[in-house]
PDB file of all heavy atoms in Angstrom:
ATOM      1  N   PRO A   1      28.517 -15.357 -47.702  1.00  0.00           N
ATOM      2  CA  PRO A   1      27.576 -14.775 -46.726  1.00  0.00           C
ATOM      3  C   PRO A   1      27.737 -15.325 -45.303  1.00  0.00           C
ATOM      4  O   PRO A   1      27.651 -14.560 -44.335  1.00  0.00           O
ATOM      5  CB  PRO A   1      26.200 -15.127 -47.292  1.00  0.00           C
ATOM      6  CG  PRO A   1      26.428 -15.260 -48.766  1.00  0.00           C
ATOM      7  CD  PRO A   1      27.817 -15.825 -48.908  1.00  0.00           C
ATOM      8  N   LEU A   2      27.996 -16.625 -45.153  1.00  0.00           N
ATOM      9  CA  LEU A   2      28.179 -17.186 -43.812  1.00  0.00           C
ATOM     10  C   LEU A   2      29.428 -16.622 -43.153  1.00  0.00           C
ATOM     11  O   LEU A   2      29.396 -16.222 -41.982  1.00  0.00           O
ATOM     12  CB  LEU A   2      28.252 -18.721 -43.882  1.00  0.00           C
ATOM     13  CG  LEU A   2      28.486 -19.449 -42.559  1.00  0.00           C
ATOM     14  CD1 LEU A   2      27.392 -19.116 -41.537  1.00  0.00           C
ATOM     15  CD2 LEU A   2      28.566 -20.954 -42.799  1.00  0.00           C
ATOM     16  N   GLY A   3      30.524 -16.574 -43.898  1.00  0.00           N
ATOM     17  CA  GLY A   3      31.755 -15.999 -43.353  1.00  0.00           C
ATOM     18  C   GLY A   3      31.581 -14.535 -42.996  1.00  0.00           C
ATOM     19  O   GLY A   3      32.014 -14.082 -41.931  1.00  0.00           O
ATOM     20  N   GLN A   4      30.935 -13.769 -43.873  1.00  0.00           N
ATOM     21  CA  GLN A   4      30.681 -12.347 -43.607  1.00  0.00           C
ATOM     22  C   GLN A   4      29.845 -12.172 -42.347  1.00  0.00           C
ATOM     23  O   GLN A   4      30.115 -11.294 -41.523  1.00  0.00           O
ATOM     24  CB  GLN A   4      29.958 -11.707 -44.790  1.00  0.00           C
ATOM     25  CG  GLN A   4      30.809 -11.499 -45.988  1.00  0.00           C
ATOM     26  CD  GLN A   4      30.029 -10.886 -47.148  1.00  0.00           C
ATOM     27  OE1 GLN A   4      28.802 -10.777 -47.123  1.00  0.00           O
ATOM     28  NE2 GLN A   4      30.749 -10.476 -48.184  1.00  0.00           N
ATOM     29  N   TRP A   5      28.807 -13.005 -42.209  1.00  0.00           N
ATOM     30  CA  TRP A   5      27.919 -12.873 -41.060  1.00  0.00           C
ATOM     31  C   TRP A   5      28.649 -13.168 -39.750  1.00  0.00           C
ATOM     32  O   TRP A   5      28.520 -12.419 -38.785  1.00  0.00           O
ATOM     33  CB  TRP A   5      26.700 -13.792 -41.208  1.00  0.00           C
ATOM     34  CG  TRP A   5      25.748 -13.636 -40.079  1.00  0.00           C
ATOM     35  CD1 TRP A   5      24.840 -12.638 -39.889  1.00  0.00           C
ATOM     36  CD2 TRP A   5      25.630 -14.492 -38.943  1.00  0.00           C
ATOM     37  NE1 TRP A   5      24.161 -12.828 -38.706  1.00  0.00           N
ATOM     38  CE2 TRP A   5      24.628 -13.961 -38.110  1.00  0.00           C
ATOM     39  CE3 TRP A   5      26.278 -15.662 -38.552  1.00  0.00           C
ATOM     40  CZ2 TRP A   5      24.251 -14.550 -36.905  1.00  0.00           C
ATOM     41  CZ3 TRP A   5      25.898 -16.256 -37.359  1.00  0.00           C
ATOM     42  CH2 TRP A   5      24.905 -15.698 -36.554  1.00  0.00           C
ATOM     43  N   ILE A   6      29.423 -14.250 -39.732  1.00  0.00           N
ATOM     44  CA  ILE A   6      30.147 -14.593 -38.503  1.00  0.00           C
ATOM     45  C   ILE A   6      31.132 -13.486 -38.138  1.00  0.00           C
ATOM     46  O   ILE A   6      31.209 -13.074 -36.972  1.00  0.00           O
ATOM     47  CB  ILE A   6      30.848 -15.958 -38.632  1.00  0.00           C
ATOM     48  CG1 ILE A   6      29.792 -17.075 -38.719  1.00  0.00           C
ATOM     49  CG2 ILE A   6      31.784 -16.199 -37.440  1.00  0.00           C
ATOM     50  CD1 ILE A   6      30.357 -18.445 -39.046  1.00  0.00           C
ATOM     51  N   VAL A   7      31.865 -12.981 -39.113  1.00  0.00           N
ATOM     52  CA  VAL A   7      32.823 -11.897 -38.839  1.00  0.00           C
ATOM     53  C   VAL A   7      32.091 -10.669 -38.311  1.00  0.00           C
ATOM     54  O   VAL A   7      32.517 -10.056 -37.328  1.00  0.00           O
ATOM     55  CB  VAL A   7      33.658 -11.563 -40.097  1.00  0.00           C
ATOM     56  CG1 VAL A   7      34.454 -10.280 -39.893  1.00  0.00           C
ATOM     57  CG2 VAL A   7      34.583 -12.719 -40.444  1.00  0.00           C
ATOM     58  N   SER A   8      30.980 -10.302 -38.934  1.00  0.00           N
ATOM     59  CA  SER A   8      30.264  -9.085 -38.523  1.00  0.00           C
ATOM     60  C   SER A   8      29.604  -9.235 -37.157  1.00  0.00           C
ATOM     61  O   SER A   8      29.411  -8.247 -36.453  1.00  0.00           O
ATOM     62  CB  SER A   8      29.221  -8.685 -39.567  1.00  0.00           C
ATOM     63  OG  SER A   8      28.128  -9.588 -39.573  1.00  0.00           O
ATOM     64  N   GLN A   9      29.267 -10.469 -36.774  1.00  0.00           N
ATOM     65  CA  GLN A   9      28.564 -10.697 -35.509  1.00  0.00           C
ATOM     66  C   GLN A   9      29.448 -11.295 -34.421  1.00  0.00           C
ATOM     67  O   GLN A   9      28.958 -11.627 -33.333  1.00  0.00           O
ATOM     68  CB  GLN A   9      27.371 -11.634 -35.748  1.00  0.00           C
ATOM     69  CG  GLN A   9      26.334 -11.089 -36.694  1.00  0.00           C
ATOM     70  CD  GLN A   9      25.721  -9.806 -36.197  1.00  0.00           C
ATOM     71  OE1 GLN A   9      25.312  -9.714 -35.039  1.00  0.00           O
ATOM     72  NE2 GLN A   9      25.666  -8.802 -37.052  1.00  0.00           N
ATOM     73  N   ARG A  10      30.727 -11.421 -34.666  1.00  0.00           N
ATOM     74  CA  ARG A  10      31.606 -12.147 -33.741  1.00  0.00           C
ATOM     75  C   ARG A  10      31.571 -11.622 -32.319  1.00  0.00           C
ATOM     76  O   ARG A  10      31.743 -12.378 -31.370  1.00  0.00           O
ATOM     77  CB  ARG A  10      33.027 -12.193 -34.269  1.00  0.00           C
ATOM     78  CG  ARG A  10      33.771 -10.873 -34.187  1.00  0.00           C
ATOM     79  CD  ARG A  10      35.079 -10.919 -34.889  1.00  0.00           C
ATOM     80  NE  ARG A  10      36.136 -11.401 -34.018  1.00  0.00           N
ATOM     81  CZ  ARG A  10      37.409 -11.360 -34.327  1.00  0.00           C
ATOM     82  NH1 ARG A  10      37.793 -10.892 -35.497  1.00  0.00           N
ATOM     83  NH2 ARG A  10      38.312 -11.787 -33.482  1.00  0.00           N
ATOM     84  N   ASP A  11      31.327 -10.324 -32.129  1.00  0.00           N
ATOM     85  CA  ASP A  11      31.286  -9.762 -30.772  1.00  0.00           C
ATOM     86  C   ASP A  11      30.003 -10.128 -30.026  1.00  0.00           C
ATOM     87  O   ASP A  11      29.950  -9.999 -28.801  1.00  0.00           O
ATOM     88  CB  ASP A  11      31.447  -8.244 -30.811  1.00  0.00           C
ATOM     89  CG  ASP A  11      32.844  -7.829 -31.248  1.00  0.00           C
ATOM     90  OD1 ASP A  11      33.799  -8.617 -31.057  1.00  0.00           O
ATOM     91  OD2 ASP A  11      32.985  -6.724 -31.794  1.00  0.00           O
ATOM     92  N   THR A  12      28.989 -10.563 -30.753  1.00  0.00           N
ATOM     93  CA  THR A  12      27.717 -10.906 -30.101  1.00  0.00           C
ATOM     94  C   THR A  12      27.467 -12.411 -30.075  1.00  0.00           C
ATOM     95  O   THR A  12      26.527 -12.860 -29.423  1.00  0.00           O
ATOM     96  CB  THR A  12      26.532 -10.228 -30.818  1.00  0.00           C
ATOM     97  OG1 THR A  12      26.478 -10.685 -32.168  1.00  0.00           O
ATOM     98  CG2 THR A  12      26.676  -8.714 -30.786  1.00  0.00           C
ATOM     99  N   LEU A  13      28.287 -13.180 -30.776  1.00  0.00           N
ATOM    100  CA  LEU A  13      28.083 -14.628 -30.842  1.00  0.00           C
ATOM    101  C   LEU A  13      28.691 -15.333 -29.634  1.00  0.00           C
ATOM    102  O   LEU A  13      29.749 -14.947 -29.147  1.00  0.00           O
ATOM    103  CB  LEU A  13      28.708 -15.206 -32.109  1.00  0.00           C
ATOM    104  CG  LEU A  13      28.081 -14.805 -33.434  1.00  0.00           C
ATOM    105  CD1 LEU A  13      28.901 -15.368 -34.597  1.00  0.00           C
ATOM    106  CD2 LEU A  13      26.649 -15.283 -33.518  1.00  0.00           C
ATOM    107  N   ASP A  14      28.004 -16.368 -29.197  1.00  0.00           N
ATOM    108  CA  ASP A  14      28.541 -17.273 -28.190  1.00  0.00           C
ATOM    109  C   ASP A  14      28.917 -18.555 -28.927  1.00  0.00           C
ATOM    110  O   ASP A  14      28.099 -19.102 -29.672  1.00  0.00           O
ATOM    111  CB  ASP A  14      27.487 -17.563 -27.119  1.00  0.00           C
ATOM    112  CG  ASP A  14      27.994 -18.553 -26.090  1.00  0.00           C
ATOM    113  OD1 ASP A  14      28.673 -18.120 -25.144  1.00  0.00           O
ATOM    114  OD2 ASP A  14      27.725 -19.771 -26.267  1.00  0.00           O
ATOM    115  N   TRP A  15      30.152 -19.015 -28.744  1.00  0.00           N
ATOM    116  CA  TRP A  15      30.610 -20.172 -29.499  1.00  0.00           C
ATOM    117  C   TRP A  15      29.690 -21.372 -29.292  1.00  0.00           C
ATOM    118  O   TRP A  15      29.235 -21.990 -30.248  1.00  0.00           O
ATOM    119  CB  TRP A  15      32.052 -20.529 -29.126  1.00  0.00           C
ATOM    120  CG  TRP A  15      32.567 -21.627 -29.999  1.00  0.00           C
ATOM    121  CD1 TRP A  15      32.495 -22.968 -29.765  1.00  0.00           C
ATOM    122  CD2 TRP A  15      33.183 -21.489 -31.281  1.00  0.00           C
ATOM    123  NE1 TRP A  15      33.034 -23.668 -30.819  1.00  0.00           N
ATOM    124  CE2 TRP A  15      33.464 -22.778 -31.761  1.00  0.00           C
ATOM    125  CE3 TRP A  15      33.525 -20.393 -32.074  1.00  0.00           C
ATOM    126  CZ2 TRP A  15      34.082 -23.006 -32.993  1.00  0.00           C
ATOM    127  CZ3 TRP A  15      34.142 -20.620 -33.296  1.00  0.00           C
ATOM    128  CH2 TRP A  15      34.401 -21.914 -33.744  1.00  0.00           C
ATOM    129  N   ASP A  16      29.425 -21.739 -28.049  1.00  0.00           N
ATOM    130  CA  ASP A  16      28.625 -22.939 -27.796  1.00  0.00           C
ATOM    131  C   ASP A  16      27.177 -22.765 -28.221  1.00  0.00           C
ATOM    132  O   ASP A  16      26.612 -23.643 -28.882  1.00  0.00           O
ATOM    133  CB  ASP A  16      28.701 -23.336 -26.316  1.00  0.00           C
ATOM    134  CG  ASP A  16      30.088 -23.836 -25.945  1.00  0.00           C
ATOM    135  OD1 ASP A  16      30.687 -24.569 -26.760  1.00  0.00           O
ATOM    136  OD2 ASP A  16      30.572 -23.492 -24.859  1.00  0.00           O
ATOM    137  N   ASP A  17      26.572 -21.652 -27.851  1.00  0.00           N
ATOM    138  CA  ASP A  17      25.155 -21.449 -28.160  1.00  0.00           C
ATOM    139  C   ASP A  17      24.906 -21.235 -29.646  1.00  0.00           C
ATOM    140  O   ASP A  17      23.915 -21.737 -30.187  1.00  0.00           O
ATOM    141  CB  ASP A  17      24.592 -20.240 -27.407  1.00  0.00           C
ATOM    142  CG  ASP A  17      24.420 -20.511 -25.923  1.00  0.00           C
ATOM    143  OD1 ASP A  17      24.469 -21.684 -25.517  1.00  0.00           O
ATOM    144  OD2 ASP A  17      24.241 -19.535 -25.173  1.00  0.00           O
ATOM    145  N   ASN A  18      25.770 -20.511 -30.314  1.00  0.00           N
ATOM    146  CA  ASN A  18      25.540 -20.173 -31.718  1.00  0.00           C
ATOM    147  C   ASN A  18      26.306 -21.074 -32.680  1.00  0.00           C
ATOM    148  O   ASN A  18      25.697 -21.763 -33.504  1.00  0.00           O
ATOM    149  CB  ASN A  18      25.896 -18.710 -31.977  1.00  0.00           C
ATOM    150  CG  ASN A  18      25.126 -17.762 -31.075  1.00  0.00           C
ATOM    151  OD1 ASN A  18      25.729 -16.998 -30.337  1.00  0.00           O
ATOM    152  ND2 ASN A  18      23.811 -17.805 -31.112  1.00  0.00           N
ATOM    153  N   ILE A  19      27.611 -21.091 -32.570  1.00  0.00           N
ATOM    154  CA  ILE A  19      28.418 -21.877 -33.496  1.00  0.00           C
ATOM    155  C   ILE A  19      28.214 -23.372 -33.242  1.00  0.00           C
ATOM    156  O   ILE A  19      28.042 -24.152 -34.181  1.00  0.00           O
ATOM    157  CB  ILE A  19      29.912 -21.505 -33.400  1.00  0.00           C
ATOM    158  CG1 ILE A  19      30.125 -20.000 -33.638  1.00  0.00           C
ATOM    159  CG2 ILE A  19      30.744 -22.361 -34.347  1.00  0.00           C
ATOM    160  CD1 ILE A  19      29.655 -19.490 -34.984  1.00  0.00           C
ATOM    161  N   GLY A  20      28.215 -23.757 -31.988  1.00  0.00           N
ATOM    162  CA  GLY A  20      28.013 -25.174 -31.666  1.00  0.00           C
ATOM    163  C   GLY A  20      26.683 -25.699 -32.174  1.00  0.00           C
ATOM    164  O   GLY A  20      26.604 -26.797 -32.736  1.00  0.00           O
ATOM    165  N   GLN A  21      25.640 -24.924 -32.001  1.00  0.00           N
ATOM    166  CA  GLN A  21      24.333 -25.354 -32.481  1.00  0.00           C
ATOM    167  C   GLN A  21      24.269 -25.351 -34.009  1.00  0.00           C
ATOM    168  O   GLN A  21      23.614 -26.201 -34.620  1.00  0.00           O
ATOM    169  CB  GLN A  21      23.236 -24.478 -31.881  1.00  0.00           C
ATOM    170  CG  GLN A  21      23.120 -24.615 -30.365  1.00  0.00           C
ATOM    171  CD  GLN A  21      22.936 -26.060 -29.922  1.00  0.00           C
ATOM    172  OE1 GLN A  21      22.128 -26.796 -30.477  1.00  0.00           O
ATOM    173  NE2 GLN A  21      23.692 -26.476 -28.922  1.00  0.00           N
ATOM    174  N   PHE A  22      24.949 -24.391 -34.645  1.00  0.00           N
ATOM    175  CA  PHE A  22      25.041 -24.398 -36.102  1.00  0.00           C
ATOM    176  C   PHE A  22      25.717 -25.679 -36.581  1.00  0.00           C
ATOM    177  O   PHE A  22      25.248 -26.336 -37.514  1.00  0.00           O
ATOM    178  CB  PHE A  22      25.819 -23.172 -36.606  1.00  0.00           C
ATOM    179  CG  PHE A  22      26.268 -23.316 -38.030  1.00  0.00           C
ATOM    180  CD1 PHE A  22      25.366 -23.157 -39.071  1.00  0.00           C
ATOM    181  CD2 PHE A  22      27.591 -23.638 -38.335  1.00  0.00           C
ATOM    182  CE1 PHE A  22      25.777 -23.319 -40.404  1.00  0.00           C
ATOM    183  CE2 PHE A  22      28.007 -23.791 -39.648  1.00  0.00           C
ATOM    184  CZ  PHE A  22      27.093 -23.628 -40.691  1.00  0.00           C
ATOM    185  N   LEU A  23      26.843 -26.036 -35.955  1.00  0.00           N
ATOM    186  CA  LEU A  23      27.562 -27.238 -36.360  1.00  0.00           C
ATOM    187  C   LEU A  23      26.705 -28.482 -36.193  1.00  0.00           C
ATOM    188  O   LEU A  23      26.710 -29.370 -37.049  1.00  0.00           O
ATOM    189  CB  LEU A  23      28.867 -27.372 -35.565  1.00  0.00           C
ATOM    190  CG  LEU A  23      29.937 -26.327 -35.879  1.00  0.00           C
ATOM    191  CD1 LEU A  23      31.091 -26.433 -34.893  1.00  0.00           C
ATOM    192  CD2 LEU A  23      30.416 -26.471 -37.311  1.00  0.00           C
ATOM    193  N   THR A  24      25.966 -28.545 -35.103  1.00  0.00           N
ATOM    194  CA  THR A  24      25.074 -29.680 -34.865  1.00  0.00           C
ATOM    195  C   THR A  24      24.044 -29.799 -35.984  1.00  0.00           C
ATOM    196  O   THR A  24      23.822 -30.876 -36.532  1.00  0.00           O
ATOM    197  CB  THR A  24      24.376 -29.529 -33.496  1.00  0.00           C
ATOM    198  OG1 THR A  24      25.374 -29.520 -32.472  1.00  0.00           O
ATOM    199  CG2 THR A  24      23.412 -30.659 -33.233  1.00  0.00           C
ATOM    200  N   ALA A  25      23.446 -28.678 -36.353  1.00  0.00           N
ATOM    201  CA  ALA A  25      22.422 -28.691 -37.405  1.00  0.00           C
ATOM    202  C   ALA A  25      23.043 -28.941 -38.779  1.00  0.00           C
ATOM    203  O   ALA A  25      22.536 -29.759 -39.551  1.00  0.00           O
ATOM    204  CB  ALA A  25      21.660 -27.370 -37.396  1.00  0.00           C
ATOM    205  N   PHE A  26      24.128 -28.271 -39.092  1.00  0.00           N
ATOM    206  CA  PHE A  26      24.742 -28.383 -40.419  1.00  0.00           C
ATOM    207  C   PHE A  26      25.185 -29.816 -40.704  1.00  0.00           C
ATOM    208  O   PHE A  26      24.963 -30.341 -41.792  1.00  0.00           O
ATOM    209  CB  PHE A  26      25.937 -27.432 -40.539  1.00  0.00           C
ATOM    210  CG  PHE A  26      26.532 -27.400 -41.920  1.00  0.00           C
ATOM    211  CD1 PHE A  26      26.047 -26.503 -42.869  1.00  0.00           C
ATOM    212  CD2 PHE A  26      27.565 -28.260 -42.293  1.00  0.00           C
ATOM    213  CE1 PHE A  26      26.582 -26.469 -44.156  1.00  0.00           C
ATOM    214  CE2 PHE A  26      28.104 -28.232 -43.576  1.00  0.00           C
ATOM    215  CZ  PHE A  26      27.604 -27.326 -44.506  1.00  0.00           C
ATOM    216  N   TRP A  27      25.839 -30.428 -39.722  1.00  0.00           N
ATOM    217  CA  TRP A  27      26.390 -31.763 -39.920  1.00  0.00           C
ATOM    218  C   TRP A  27      25.424 -32.872 -39.521  1.00  0.00           C
ATOM    219  O   TRP A  27      25.748 -34.050 -39.647  1.00  0.00           O
ATOM    220  CB  TRP A  27      27.709 -31.923 -39.166  1.00  0.00           C
ATOM    221  CG  TRP A  27      28.782 -31.018 -39.694  1.00  0.00           C
ATOM    222  CD1 TRP A  27      29.316 -29.935 -39.054  1.00  0.00           C
ATOM    223  CD2 TRP A  27      29.437 -31.086 -40.958  1.00  0.00           C
ATOM    224  NE1 TRP A  27      30.270 -29.338 -39.849  1.00  0.00           N
ATOM    225  CE2 TRP A  27      30.362 -30.024 -41.030  1.00  0.00           C
ATOM    226  CE3 TRP A  27      29.335 -31.949 -42.048  1.00  0.00           C
ATOM    227  CZ2 TRP A  27      31.172 -29.807 -42.143  1.00  0.00           C
ATOM    228  CZ3 TRP A  27      30.136 -31.730 -43.160  1.00  0.00           C
ATOM    229  CH2 TRP A  27      31.047 -30.669 -43.190  1.00  0.00           C
ATOM    230  N   GLY A  28      24.235 -32.530 -39.019  1.00  0.00           N
ATOM    231  CA  GLY A  28      23.254 -33.546 -38.631  1.00  0.00           C
ATOM    232  C   GLY A  28      23.691 -34.365 -37.431  1.00  0.00           C
ATOM    233  O   GLY A  28      23.363 -35.538 -37.311  1.00  0.00           O
ATOM    234  N   LEU A  29      24.416 -33.723 -36.519  1.00  0.00           N
ATOM    235  CA  LEU A  29      24.883 -34.410 -35.317  1.00  0.00           C
ATOM    236  C   LEU A  29      23.774 -34.472 -34.272  1.00  0.00           C
ATOM    237  O   LEU A  29      22.878 -33.626 -34.258  1.00  0.00           O
ATOM    238  CB  LEU A  29      26.091 -33.679 -34.725  1.00  0.00           C
ATOM    239  CG  LEU A  29      27.361 -33.691 -35.569  1.00  0.00           C
ATOM    240  CD1 LEU A  29      28.373 -32.696 -35.024  1.00  0.00           C
ATOM    241  CD2 LEU A  29      27.947 -35.093 -35.625  1.00  0.00           C
ATOM    242  N   PRO A  30      23.833 -35.457 -33.381  1.00  0.00           N
ATOM    243  CA  PRO A  30      22.862 -35.494 -32.283  1.00  0.00           C
ATOM    244  C   PRO A  30      23.086 -34.329 -31.316  1.00  0.00           C
ATOM    245  O   PRO A  30      24.058 -33.580 -31.461  1.00  0.00           O
ATOM    246  CB  PRO A  30      23.132 -36.836 -31.596  1.00  0.00           C
ATOM    247  CG  PRO A  30      24.423 -37.330 -32.116  1.00  0.00           C
ATOM    248  CD  PRO A  30      24.759 -36.574 -33.361  1.00  0.00           C
ATOM    249  N   ARG A  31      22.212 -34.204 -30.348  1.00  0.00           N
ATOM    250  CA  ARG A  31      22.303 -33.109 -29.375  1.00  0.00           C
ATOM    251  C   ARG A  31      23.722 -32.964 -28.832  1.00  0.00           C
ATOM    252  O   ARG A  31      24.345 -33.923 -28.425  1.00  0.00           O
ATOM    253  CB  ARG A  31      21.357 -33.360 -28.195  1.00  0.00           C
ATOM    254  CG  ARG A  31      21.338 -32.201 -27.205  1.00  0.00           C
ATOM    255  CD  ARG A  31      20.621 -32.550 -25.910  1.00  0.00           C
ATOM    256  NE  ARG A  31      21.397 -33.445 -25.062  1.00  0.00           N
ATOM    257  CZ  ARG A  31      22.366 -33.059 -24.236  1.00  0.00           C
ATOM    258  NH1 ARG A  31      22.697 -31.797 -24.137  1.00  0.00           N
ATOM    259  NH2 ARG A  31      23.007 -33.943 -23.492  1.00  0.00           N
ATOM    260  N   ARG A  32      24.189 -31.746 -28.876  1.00  0.00           N
ATOM    261  CA  ARG A  32      25.534 -31.410 -28.406  1.00  0.00           C
ATOM    262  C   ARG A  32      25.519 -31.329 -26.873  1.00  0.00           C
ATOM    263  O   ARG A  32      24.663 -30.667 -26.299  1.00  0.00           O
ATOM    264  CB  ARG A  32      25.919 -30.062 -29.009  1.00  0.00           C
ATOM    265  CG  ARG A  32      27.272 -29.550 -28.660  1.00  0.00           C
ATOM    266  CD  ARG A  32      27.418 -28.157 -29.304  1.00  0.00           C
ATOM    267  NE  ARG A  32      28.641 -27.526 -28.944  1.00  0.00           N
ATOM    268  CZ  ARG A  32      29.761 -27.619 -29.654  1.00  0.00           C
ATOM    269  NH1 ARG A  32      29.786 -28.318 -30.747  1.00  0.00           N
ATOM    270  NH2 ARG A  32      30.845 -27.001 -29.261  1.00  0.00           N
TER     271      ARG A  32
END
């Protein structure tokens, strides 16, 4: 489902705002 969602939304996603914030939350990293 995560892979499907990213592929389907890739034209509307911003790497830093969306993917970067996901990575921060998923991995428990401090503020990016």
